[in-house]
Structure formats: C-alpha cells, structure tokens
Amino acid sequence: MQTPTTAQIRTAIEVLKKLGEHINTNVGDSVMQLSETANGAHHAGQIEVGAIEQTTRIEAVATQLKQWRDELGQERRQCVSHQV
C-alpha cells in the first residue's frame, strides 16, 4: 500500500468534517419533524444520542489522521534535511 500524501490526508479530514456537519444537519431536521409527544421526545433523544456517537467516532478518526499527517510531514522534512 502506498503512503498517502499530506494533501490526501488533509482532504480525508475535510471529508470527515463535512460528514459530521451533514449528520448534525440531518439530526436537527429529523428532530424538528417529530411530534411533541412523549414518544416523539424519546425518539428524538435516541436520534441525538446516535448522532453524538457517530460524530465522536468521526472526530476520533479525524484526530488520528491529523496525527498521521503530522508524522508524515515530519518524516519528509527529516528526509529532506538528510539529503541536503
């Protein structure tokens, strides 16, 4: 497997960020459409909890990608300095 470029990792981070925003937008829309009954409130709570879990996982992966991007950048800088 070929190591991705820092630009590719940056793009992946942006895609994950947009996915999180999309999830939050959909949750907001879904919750607004639910009736104001006890059952509707319960269902809204479940939707919100699911969204929080998803966005938390997305943020964790984005953090890992940022760390990897930083490591790759550091490795490349070291390679350049050794070649000079």
Protein backbone atom coordinates (compact mmCIF):
# COMPACT_ATOMS: atom_id res chain seq x y z
CA MET A 1 0.00 0.00 0.00
CA GLN A 2 1.31 3.40 -0.95
CA THR A 3 1.51 6.03 1.79
CA PRO A 4 -0.91 8.88 1.10
CA THR A 5 0.34 12.41 0.67
CA THR A 6 -0.33 15.01 3.33
CA ALA A 7 -2.72 16.66 0.86
CA GLN A 8 -4.69 13.43 0.54
CA ILE A 9 -4.89 13.10 4.31
CA ARG A 10 -5.97 16.75 4.57
CA THR A 11 -8.73 16.01 2.04
CA ALA A 12 -9.86 12.98 4.04
CA ILE A 13 -10.02 15.13 7.19
CA GLU A 14 -12.17 17.69 5.35
CA VAL A 15 -14.48 14.93 4.09
CA LEU A 16 -14.92 13.64 7.63
CA LYS A 17 -15.62 17.17 8.86
CA LYS A 18 -18.31 17.60 6.19
CA LEU A 19 -19.79 14.19 7.10
CA GLY A 20 -20.10 15.29 10.74
CA GLU A 21 -21.79 18.51 9.67
CA HIS A 22 -24.17 16.54 7.44
CA ILE A 23 -25.10 14.21 10.29
CA ASN A 24 -25.78 17.15 12.61
CA THR A 25 -27.93 18.87 9.98
CA ASN A 26 -29.95 15.72 9.36
CA VAL A 27 -30.44 15.18 13.08
CA GLY A 28 -31.69 18.73 13.50
CA ASP A 29 -34.14 18.29 10.63
CA SER A 30 -35.33 14.91 11.93
CA VAL A 31 -35.87 16.15 15.48
CA MET A 32 -37.84 19.17 14.22
CA GLN A 33 -40.21 16.85 12.31
CA LEU A 34 -41.08 14.70 15.32
CA SER A 35 -44.30 15.35 17.15
CA GLU A 36 -44.19 16.88 20.61
CA THR A 37 -45.39 13.75 22.37
CA ALA A 38 -43.55 11.70 24.96
CA ASN A 39 -42.83 9.08 22.31
CA GLY A 40 -41.59 11.76 19.89
CA ALA A 41 -39.30 13.22 22.57
CA HIS A 42 -37.93 9.77 23.36
CA HIS A 43 -37.27 9.07 19.69
CA ALA A 44 -35.61 12.48 19.29
CA GLY A 45 -33.34 11.66 22.21
CA GLN A 46 -32.34 8.37 20.60
CA ILE A 47 -31.58 10.12 17.32
CA GLU A 48 -29.43 12.71 19.11
CA VAL A 49 -27.52 10.05 21.06
CA GLY A 50 -26.82 8.14 17.84
CA ALA A 51 -25.58 11.31 16.17
CA ILE A 52 -23.30 12.10 19.09
CA GLU A 53 -21.82 8.59 18.92
CA GLN A 54 -21.27 8.89 15.16
CA THR A 55 -19.71 12.34 15.32
CA THR A 56 -17.49 11.26 18.22
CA ARG A 57 -16.16 8.36 16.12
CA ILE A 58 -15.68 10.69 13.15
CA GLU A 59 -13.73 13.14 15.32
CA ALA A 60 -11.56 10.31 16.65
CA VAL A 61 -10.67 9.18 13.13
CA ALA A 62 -10.01 12.78 12.06
CA THR A 63 -7.67 13.20 15.05
CA GLN A 64 -5.80 10.03 14.07
CA LEU A 65 -5.48 11.29 10.50
CA LYS A 66 -4.15 14.64 11.73
CA GLN A 67 -1.53 12.84 13.80
CA TRP A 68 -0.55 10.70 10.83
CA ARG A 69 -0.37 13.78 8.58
CA ASP A 70 1.90 15.49 11.12
CA GLU A 71 4.12 12.41 11.38
CA LEU A 72 4.42 12.14 7.60
CA GLY A 73 5.27 15.82 7.34
CA GLN A 74 7.92 15.45 9.99
CA GLU A 75 9.40 12.37 8.28
CA ARG A 76 9.53 14.17 4.94
CA ARG A 77 11.25 17.19 6.49
CA GLN A 78 13.83 14.86 8.06
CA CYS A 79 14.43 13.14 4.72
CA VAL A 80 14.96 16.48 3.01
CA SER A 81 17.36 17.68 5.71
CA HIS A 82 19.36 14.42 5.47
CA GLN A 83 19.60 14.72 1.68
CA VAL A 84 20.95 18.27 1.85
